[in-house]
Amino acid sequence: MKRKRLIKGEVIFVLMFCLAVFAYAAEKKAEEEVKIINKIVVLSASEGAKPVTVTSEIGTTVIWLNRSRHPIEILFLDKQVVLACGSPVNFIVGKGGAYESAKIPFGGTASLCFLEKGRFDYKINSSRTFYDREFLTGHRGSVVIK
């Protein structure tokens, strides 16, 4: 009788140990699969977007940093962004169902996480102030998601 209890105890111990090992292995694999990719684009009136083209993969968050002296907007041209992950910063969903940027103040940021493959070309518009001679015109950039 004691021997049967001892064997049952050992079997239960081995099963619990195996479950713990499998749980640990699954957790480790999940940690390895999480990849956070951020790309930073600096916007200035004299140089436009630096880098002009950002190339990355699905799940990448592009962060635009405004270094010009006036508010700017990012307007996507041909291919619109209709899917994004996380919480976009300074972007809203417009009437057409695509993301549009709000005005980004000096030193401010805007970010968008891309979930679709493709080339997303954008132009940079600025809001000129009365006292500001610095003005963004014709600057463009691209986000390429492979």
C-alpha atoms as a PDB file:
ATOM      1  CA  MET A   1       0.000   0.000   0.000  1.00  0.00           C
ATOM      2  CA  LYS A   2       2.799   2.410   0.889  1.00  0.00           C
ATOM      3  CA  ARG A   3       4.633   1.390  -2.256  1.00  0.00           C
ATOM      4  CA  LYS A   4       1.623   2.279  -4.460  1.00  0.00           C
ATOM      5  CA  ARG A   5       1.378   5.710  -2.802  1.00  0.00           C
ATOM      6  CA  LEU A   6       5.072   6.270  -3.337  1.00  0.00           C
ATOM      7  CA  ILE A   7       4.804   5.336  -7.038  1.00  0.00           C
ATOM      8  CA  LYS A   8       1.760   7.600  -7.490  1.00  0.00           C
ATOM      9  CA  GLY A   9       3.655  10.439  -5.812  1.00  0.00           C
ATOM     10  CA  GLU A  10       6.641   9.943  -8.106  1.00  0.00           C
ATOM     11  CA  VAL A  11       4.431   9.866 -11.209  1.00  0.00           C
ATOM     12  CA  ILE A  12       2.678  13.062 -10.130  1.00  0.00           C
ATOM     13  CA  PHE A  13       6.041  14.711  -9.428  1.00  0.00           C
ATOM     14  CA  VAL A  14       7.399  13.738 -12.871  1.00  0.00           C
ATOM     15  CA  LEU A  15       4.223  15.007 -14.597  1.00  0.00           C
ATOM     16  CA  MET A  16       4.391  18.323 -12.726  1.00  0.00           C
ATOM     17  CA  PHE A  17       8.070  18.692 -13.630  1.00  0.00           C
ATOM     18  CA  CYS A  18       7.349  17.999 -17.329  1.00  0.00           C
ATOM     19  CA  LEU A  19       4.524  20.541 -17.349  1.00  0.00           C
ATOM     20  CA  ALA A  20       6.799  23.158 -15.787  1.00  0.00           C
ATOM     21  CA  VAL A  21       9.502  22.513 -18.393  1.00  0.00           C
ATOM     22  CA  PHE A  22       7.009  22.775 -21.282  1.00  0.00           C
ATOM     23  CA  ALA A  23       5.544  25.995 -19.862  1.00  0.00           C
ATOM     24  CA  TYR A  24       9.011  27.504 -19.489  1.00  0.00           C
ATOM     25  CA  ALA A  25       9.954  26.513 -23.068  1.00  0.00           C
ATOM     26  CA  ALA A  26       6.736  28.016 -24.467  1.00  0.00           C
ATOM     27  CA  GLU A  27       7.299  31.259 -22.562  1.00  0.00           C
ATOM     28  CA  LYS A  28      10.895  31.482 -23.772  1.00  0.00           C
ATOM     29  CA  LYS A  29       9.785  30.975 -27.391  1.00  0.00           C
ATOM     30  CA  ALA A  30       7.133  33.701 -27.046  1.00  0.00           C
ATOM     31  CA  GLU A  31       9.767  36.122 -25.708  1.00  0.00           C
ATOM     32  CA  GLU A  32      12.051  35.424 -28.657  1.00  0.00           C
ATOM     33  CA  GLU A  33       9.287  36.087 -31.216  1.00  0.00           C
ATOM     34  CA  VAL A  34       8.465  39.592 -29.936  1.00  0.00           C
ATOM     35  CA  LYS A  35      10.450  42.056 -32.020  1.00  0.00           C
ATOM     36  CA  ILE A  36      10.065  45.783 -31.532  1.00  0.00           C
ATOM     37  CA  ILE A  37      11.297  47.905 -34.420  1.00  0.00           C
ATOM     38  CA  ASN A  38      11.272  51.693 -34.288  1.00  0.00           C
ATOM     39  CA  LYS A  39      12.581  53.958 -37.048  1.00  0.00           C
ATOM     40  CA  ILE A  40      13.088  57.691 -36.471  1.00  0.00           C
ATOM     41  CA  VAL A  41      12.706  60.318 -39.198  1.00  0.00           C
ATOM     42  CA  VAL A  42      13.852  63.866 -38.408  1.00  0.00           C
ATOM     43  CA  LEU A  43      12.000  66.640 -40.248  1.00  0.00           C
ATOM     44  CA  SER A  44      13.615  70.019 -40.825  1.00  0.00           C
ATOM     45  CA  ALA A  45      12.788  72.937 -43.125  1.00  0.00           C
ATOM     46  CA  SER A  46      16.174  73.001 -44.831  1.00  0.00           C
ATOM     47  CA  GLU A  47      16.742  69.264 -45.306  1.00  0.00           C
ATOM     48  CA  GLY A  48      13.246  67.752 -45.312  1.00  0.00           C
ATOM     49  CA  ALA A  49      12.986  64.167 -44.073  1.00  0.00           C
ATOM     50  CA  LYS A  50      16.138  62.401 -42.886  1.00  0.00           C
ATOM     51  CA  PRO A  51      16.295  59.609 -43.886  1.00  0.00           C
ATOM     52  CA  VAL A  52      14.169  60.203 -46.970  1.00  0.00           C
ATOM     53  CA  THR A  53      13.301  56.499 -47.265  1.00  0.00           C
ATOM     54  CA  VAL A  54      12.710  54.155 -44.344  1.00  0.00           C
ATOM     55  CA  THR A  55      12.768  50.455 -45.225  1.00  0.00           C
ATOM     56  CA  SER A  56      11.642  47.881 -42.700  1.00  0.00           C
ATOM     57  CA  GLU A  57       9.171  45.063 -42.041  1.00  0.00           C
ATOM     58  CA  ILE A  58       5.589  44.689 -40.860  1.00  0.00           C
ATOM     59  CA  GLY A  59       5.124  45.867 -37.274  1.00  0.00           C
ATOM     60  CA  THR A  60       7.608  48.729 -37.553  1.00  0.00           C
ATOM     61  CA  THR A  61       6.723  51.998 -35.846  1.00  0.00           C
ATOM     62  CA  VAL A  62       7.952  55.078 -37.686  1.00  0.00           C
ATOM     63  CA  ILE A  63       8.453  58.130 -35.468  1.00  0.00           C
ATOM     64  CA  TRP A  64       8.613  61.561 -37.115  1.00  0.00           C
ATOM     65  CA  LEU A  65      10.344  64.287 -35.082  1.00  0.00           C
ATOM     66  CA  ASN A  66       9.640  67.909 -36.049  1.00  0.00           C
ATOM     67  CA  ARG A  67      12.823  69.999 -35.926  1.00  0.00           C
ATOM     68  CA  SER A  68      11.475  72.888 -38.028  1.00  0.00           C
ATOM     69  CA  ARG A  69      10.273  76.060 -36.342  1.00  0.00           C
ATOM     70  CA  HIS A  70       6.649  75.674 -37.327  1.00  0.00           C
ATOM     71  CA  PRO A  71       3.904  73.051 -37.207  1.00  0.00           C
ATOM     72  CA  ILE A  72       3.937  70.448 -39.962  1.00  0.00           C
ATOM     73  CA  GLU A  73       1.628  67.756 -41.336  1.00  0.00           C
ATOM     74  CA  ILE A  74       2.421  64.421 -42.966  1.00  0.00           C
ATOM     75  CA  LEU A  75       0.151  63.621 -45.902  1.00  0.00           C
ATOM     76  CA  PHE A  76       0.284  60.178 -47.527  1.00  0.00           C
ATOM     77  CA  LEU A  77      -0.016  60.297 -51.300  1.00  0.00           C
ATOM     78  CA  ASP A  78      -0.952  57.279 -53.470  1.00  0.00           C
ATOM     79  CA  LYS A  79      -1.009  54.359 -51.026  1.00  0.00           C
ATOM     80  CA  GLN A  80      -2.883  55.306 -47.861  1.00  0.00           C
ATOM     81  CA  VAL A  81      -2.358  53.778 -44.425  1.00  0.00           C
ATOM     82  CA  VAL A  82      -5.632  52.139 -43.365  1.00  0.00           C
ATOM     83  CA  LEU A  83      -4.301  49.634 -40.778  1.00  0.00           C
ATOM     84  CA  ALA A  84      -2.055  50.478 -37.843  1.00  0.00           C
ATOM     85  CA  CYS A  85      -1.129  48.752 -34.610  1.00  0.00           C
ATOM     86  CA  GLY A  86      -0.860  50.235 -31.160  1.00  0.00           C
ATOM     87  CA  SER A  87      -1.886  53.793 -30.504  1.00  0.00           C
ATOM     88  CA  PRO A  88      -0.834  56.201 -33.246  1.00  0.00           C
ATOM     89  CA  VAL A  89       0.478  59.534 -31.953  1.00  0.00           C
ATOM     90  CA  ASN A  90      -0.714  62.694 -33.738  1.00  0.00           C
ATOM     91  CA  PHE A  91      -2.524  60.626 -36.376  1.00  0.00           C
ATOM     92  CA  ILE A  92      -6.276  60.302 -36.791  1.00  0.00           C
ATOM     93  CA  VAL A  93      -8.494  58.304 -39.130  1.00  0.00           C
ATOM     94  CA  GLY A  94      -9.842  60.720 -41.725  1.00  0.00           C
ATOM     95  CA  LYS A  95     -13.117  60.712 -43.629  1.00  0.00           C
ATOM     96  CA  GLY A  96     -11.747  58.298 -46.247  1.00  0.00           C
ATOM     97  CA  GLY A  97     -10.791  55.726 -43.592  1.00  0.00           C
ATOM     98  CA  ALA A  98      -7.047  56.386 -43.913  1.00  0.00           C
ATOM     99  CA  TYR A  99      -4.672  57.807 -41.325  1.00  0.00           C
ATOM    100  CA  GLU A 100      -3.873  61.529 -41.527  1.00  0.00           C
ATOM    101  CA  SER A 101      -1.507  63.447 -39.306  1.00  0.00           C
ATOM    102  CA  ALA A 102      -2.541  66.313 -37.120  1.00  0.00           C
ATOM    103  CA  LYS A 103      -0.330  69.393 -36.963  1.00  0.00           C
ATOM    104  CA  ILE A 104       2.929  68.425 -35.273  1.00  0.00           C
ATOM    105  CA  PRO A 105       4.404  71.334 -33.269  1.00  0.00           C
ATOM    106  CA  PHE A 106       8.120  72.187 -33.063  1.00  0.00           C
ATOM    107  CA  GLY A 107       9.857  69.464 -31.067  1.00  0.00           C
ATOM    108  CA  GLY A 108       6.745  67.310 -31.268  1.00  0.00           C
ATOM    109  CA  THR A 109       6.452  63.805 -32.629  1.00  0.00           C
ATOM    110  CA  ALA A 110       4.045  61.710 -34.627  1.00  0.00           C
ATOM    111  CA  SER A 111       4.223  57.934 -34.853  1.00  0.00           C
ATOM    112  CA  LEU A 112       2.486  55.234 -36.821  1.00  0.00           C
ATOM    113  CA  CYS A 113       2.930  51.451 -36.746  1.00  0.00           C
ATOM    114  CA  PHE A 114       2.681  49.834 -40.187  1.00  0.00           C
ATOM    115  CA  LEU A 115       0.811  46.526 -40.659  1.00  0.00           C
ATOM    116  CA  GLU A 116       0.657  46.418 -44.457  1.00  0.00           C
ATOM    117  CA  LYS A 117       3.354  45.732 -47.019  1.00  0.00           C
ATOM    118  CA  GLY A 118       3.971  48.357 -49.647  1.00  0.00           C
ATOM    119  CA  ARG A 119       5.498  51.722 -50.366  1.00  0.00           C
ATOM    120  CA  PHE A 120       3.902  54.648 -48.558  1.00  0.00           C
ATOM    121  CA  ASP A 121       5.018  57.956 -50.084  1.00  0.00           C
ATOM    122  CA  TYR A 122       4.252  61.122 -48.161  1.00  0.00           C
ATOM    123  CA  LYS A 123       4.733  64.846 -48.448  1.00  0.00           C
ATOM    124  CA  ILE A 124       5.396  67.308 -45.697  1.00  0.00           C
ATOM    125  CA  ASN A 125       3.180  70.388 -45.440  1.00  0.00           C
ATOM    126  CA  SER A 126       3.917  73.229 -43.098  1.00  0.00           C
ATOM    127  CA  SER A 127       1.953  75.988 -41.475  1.00  0.00           C
ATOM    128  CA  ARG A 128       3.855  79.178 -42.010  1.00  0.00           C
ATOM    129  CA  THR A 129       3.652  81.774 -39.292  1.00  0.00           C
ATOM    130  CA  PHE A 130       3.848  85.514 -39.897  1.00  0.00           C
ATOM    131  CA  TYR A 131       7.297  85.892 -38.309  1.00  0.00           C
ATOM    132  CA  ASP A 132       8.794  82.674 -39.627  1.00  0.00           C
ATOM    133  CA  ARG A 133      10.789  82.753 -42.869  1.00  0.00           C
ATOM    134  CA  GLU A 134      11.690  79.087 -42.676  1.00  0.00           C
ATOM    135  CA  PHE A 135       9.195  77.099 -44.728  1.00  0.00           C
ATOM    136  CA  LEU A 136       8.938  73.474 -45.835  1.00  0.00           C
ATOM    137  CA  THR A 137       8.102  73.190 -49.522  1.00  0.00           C
ATOM    138  CA  GLY A 138       8.217  70.169 -51.748  1.00  0.00           C
ATOM    139  CA  HIS A 139       9.829  67.830 -49.240  1.00  0.00           C
ATOM    140  CA  ARG A 140       8.795  64.197 -49.529  1.00  0.00           C
ATOM    141  CA  GLY A 141       9.614  60.882 -47.956  1.00  0.00           C
ATOM    142  CA  SER A 142       8.771  57.190 -48.182  1.00  0.00           C
ATOM    143  CA  VAL A 143       8.153  54.266 -45.887  1.00  0.00           C
ATOM    144  CA  VAL A 144       8.762  50.890 -47.529  1.00  0.00           C
ATOM    145  CA  ILE A 145       7.433  47.842 -45.677  1.00  0.00           C
ATOM    146  CA  LYS A 146       8.600  44.460 -46.987  1.00  0.00           C
END
